């Protein structure tokens, strides 16, 4: 998978292990560069919830 980051645009694609579900989170930051560790933690939790249907254990 390719995350596809660019100037002010951040995407996080993911696919479930069984390949039956997929999700892509796209974020547009317009004011300042994103805090990437925080962005990655938040999008990781969202993706875990979307694919697994349970709260993330990240962070």
N, C-alpha and C. Protein backbone atom coordinates (compact mmCIF):
# COMPACT_ATOMS: atom_id res chain seq x y z
N UNK A 1 0.84 -1.18 0.00
CA UNK A 1 0.00 0.00 0.00
C UNK A 1 0.89 1.25 0.00
N UNK A 2 0.38 2.27 -0.59
CA UNK A 2 1.10 3.54 -0.63
C UNK A 2 0.26 4.59 0.08
N UNK A 3 0.86 5.30 1.01
CA UNK A 3 0.11 6.29 1.78
C UNK A 3 -0.21 7.54 0.99
N UNK A 4 0.59 7.93 0.02
CA UNK A 4 0.25 9.02 -0.87
C UNK A 4 0.25 10.40 -0.24
N UNK A 5 1.15 10.67 0.69
CA UNK A 5 1.21 12.00 1.30
C UNK A 5 1.70 13.02 0.28
N UNK A 6 1.18 14.22 0.41
CA UNK A 6 1.61 15.34 -0.41
C UNK A 6 1.48 16.60 0.41
N UNK A 7 1.67 17.73 -0.19
CA UNK A 7 1.60 19.00 0.52
C UNK A 7 0.21 19.21 1.09
N UNK A 8 0.06 19.02 2.40
CA UNK A 8 -1.21 19.25 3.08
C UNK A 8 -2.25 18.16 2.92
N UNK A 9 -1.90 17.06 2.23
CA UNK A 9 -2.85 15.97 2.00
C UNK A 9 -2.21 14.68 2.51
N UNK A 10 -2.95 13.96 3.32
CA UNK A 10 -2.46 12.72 3.93
C UNK A 10 -3.51 11.63 3.74
N UNK A 11 -3.11 10.51 3.19
CA UNK A 11 -4.04 9.39 3.02
C UNK A 11 -3.47 8.16 3.68
N UNK A 12 -4.35 7.37 4.28
CA UNK A 12 -3.97 6.14 4.96
C UNK A 12 -4.90 5.02 4.49
N UNK A 13 -4.46 4.19 3.52
CA UNK A 13 -5.28 3.06 3.08
C UNK A 13 -4.98 1.82 3.92
N UNK A 14 -5.95 0.93 4.01
CA UNK A 14 -5.74 -0.34 4.72
C UNK A 14 -6.75 -1.36 4.22
N UNK A 15 -6.35 -2.63 4.32
CA UNK A 15 -7.20 -3.74 3.91
C UNK A 15 -7.17 -4.78 5.02
N UNK A 16 -8.34 -5.37 5.32
CA UNK A 16 -8.41 -6.42 6.32
C UNK A 16 -7.57 -7.62 5.87
N UNK A 17 -7.10 -8.40 6.82
CA UNK A 17 -6.26 -9.56 6.53
C UNK A 17 -6.94 -10.50 5.54
N UNK A 18 -8.24 -10.69 5.68
CA UNK A 18 -8.97 -11.61 4.79
C UNK A 18 -9.33 -10.96 3.45
N UNK A 19 -9.04 -9.67 3.27
CA UNK A 19 -9.29 -8.97 2.02
C UNK A 19 -10.74 -8.59 1.77
N UNK A 20 -11.60 -8.83 2.74
CA UNK A 20 -13.03 -8.57 2.53
C UNK A 20 -13.44 -7.13 2.81
N UNK A 21 -12.61 -6.40 3.53
CA UNK A 21 -12.92 -4.99 3.84
C UNK A 21 -11.71 -4.12 3.57
N UNK A 22 -11.98 -2.90 3.17
CA UNK A 22 -10.91 -1.93 2.94
C UNK A 22 -11.41 -0.56 3.37
N UNK A 23 -10.48 0.29 3.74
CA UNK A 23 -10.81 1.65 4.15
C UNK A 23 -9.65 2.56 3.75
N UNK A 24 -10.00 3.79 3.39
CA UNK A 24 -9.00 4.82 3.14
C UNK A 24 -9.42 6.06 3.90
N UNK A 25 -8.51 6.58 4.69
CA UNK A 25 -8.75 7.82 5.43
C UNK A 25 -7.96 8.91 4.72
N UNK A 26 -8.63 10.00 4.38
CA UNK A 26 -7.99 11.12 3.72
C UNK A 26 -8.13 12.36 4.60
N UNK A 27 -7.03 13.05 4.83
CA UNK A 27 -7.02 14.23 5.68
C UNK A 27 -6.37 15.38 4.91
N UNK A 28 -6.99 16.53 4.98
CA UNK A 28 -6.43 17.73 4.36
C UNK A 28 -6.12 18.73 5.45
N UNK A 29 -4.85 19.12 5.54
CA UNK A 29 -4.42 20.11 6.53
C UNK A 29 -4.15 21.41 5.79
N UNK A 30 -4.86 22.47 6.19
CA UNK A 30 -4.73 23.73 5.46
C UNK A 30 -3.97 24.81 6.22
N UNK A 31 -3.87 24.68 7.54
CA UNK A 31 -3.28 25.77 8.32
C UNK A 31 -1.78 25.62 8.56
N UNK A 32 -1.35 24.43 8.86
CA UNK A 32 0.06 24.20 9.21
C UNK A 32 0.39 22.74 8.91
N UNK A 33 1.67 22.41 8.82
CA UNK A 33 2.03 21.01 8.62
C UNK A 33 1.46 20.14 9.75
N UNK A 34 1.03 18.96 9.39
CA UNK A 34 0.44 18.06 10.38
C UNK A 34 1.49 17.51 11.33
N UNK A 35 1.07 17.23 12.54
CA UNK A 35 1.90 16.53 13.52
C UNK A 35 1.79 15.05 13.16
N UNK A 36 2.75 14.53 12.39
CA UNK A 36 2.63 13.18 11.84
C UNK A 36 2.48 12.08 12.88
N UNK A 37 3.20 12.09 14.00
CA UNK A 37 2.96 11.03 14.98
C UNK A 37 1.52 11.02 15.50
N UNK A 38 0.96 12.19 15.76
CA UNK A 38 -0.43 12.27 16.22
C UNK A 38 -1.39 11.87 15.11
N UNK A 39 -1.14 12.32 13.89
CA UNK A 39 -1.97 11.96 12.75
C UNK A 39 -1.97 10.45 12.55
N UNK A 40 -0.80 9.83 12.60
CA UNK A 40 -0.70 8.38 12.41
C UNK A 40 -1.40 7.61 13.52
N UNK A 41 -1.30 8.07 14.74
CA UNK A 41 -1.97 7.40 15.85
C UNK A 41 -3.50 7.50 15.70
N UNK A 42 -3.98 8.67 15.36
CA UNK A 42 -5.43 8.88 15.22
C UNK A 42 -6.00 8.11 14.03
N UNK A 43 -5.31 8.17 12.89
CA UNK A 43 -5.82 7.44 11.73
C UNK A 43 -5.69 5.94 11.92
N UNK A 44 -4.65 5.49 12.62
CA UNK A 44 -4.50 4.07 12.92
C UNK A 44 -5.66 3.56 13.76
N UNK A 45 -6.05 4.33 14.76
CA UNK A 45 -7.18 3.95 15.61
C UNK A 45 -8.47 3.91 14.81
N UNK A 46 -8.68 4.89 13.94
CA UNK A 46 -9.87 4.93 13.10
C UNK A 46 -9.91 3.72 12.16
N UNK A 47 -8.80 3.41 11.54
CA UNK A 47 -8.71 2.27 10.63
C UNK A 47 -8.96 0.97 11.38
N UNK A 48 -8.33 0.80 12.55
CA UNK A 48 -8.56 -0.41 13.34
C UNK A 48 -10.04 -0.58 13.66
N UNK A 49 -10.68 0.50 14.03
CA UNK A 49 -12.11 0.44 14.36
C UNK A 49 -12.94 0.10 13.12
N UNK A 50 -12.60 0.71 12.00
CA UNK A 50 -13.36 0.47 10.77
C UNK A 50 -13.20 -0.97 10.28
N UNK A 51 -12.00 -1.51 10.35
CA UNK A 51 -11.77 -2.85 9.83
C UNK A 51 -12.13 -3.96 10.82
N UNK A 52 -11.92 -3.70 12.09
CA UNK A 52 -12.12 -4.74 13.11
C UNK A 52 -13.40 -4.57 13.91
N UNK A 53 -13.97 -3.38 13.89
CA UNK A 53 -15.19 -3.13 14.64
C UNK A 53 -14.99 -3.06 16.15
N UNK A 54 -13.73 -2.89 16.56
CA UNK A 54 -13.41 -2.78 17.99
C UNK A 54 -12.49 -1.60 18.20
N UNK A 55 -12.49 -1.03 19.39
CA UNK A 55 -11.56 0.06 19.68
C UNK A 55 -10.12 -0.37 19.51
N UNK A 56 -9.30 0.54 19.06
CA UNK A 56 -7.88 0.27 18.87
C UNK A 56 -7.17 0.12 20.20
N UNK A 57 -6.10 -0.65 20.18
CA UNK A 57 -5.23 -0.78 21.35
C UNK A 57 -3.95 0.03 21.15
N UNK A 58 -3.94 0.91 20.15
CA UNK A 58 -2.75 1.73 19.87
C UNK A 58 -2.62 2.82 20.93
N UNK A 59 -1.36 3.24 21.10
CA UNK A 59 -1.06 4.40 21.94
C UNK A 59 -1.37 4.16 23.33
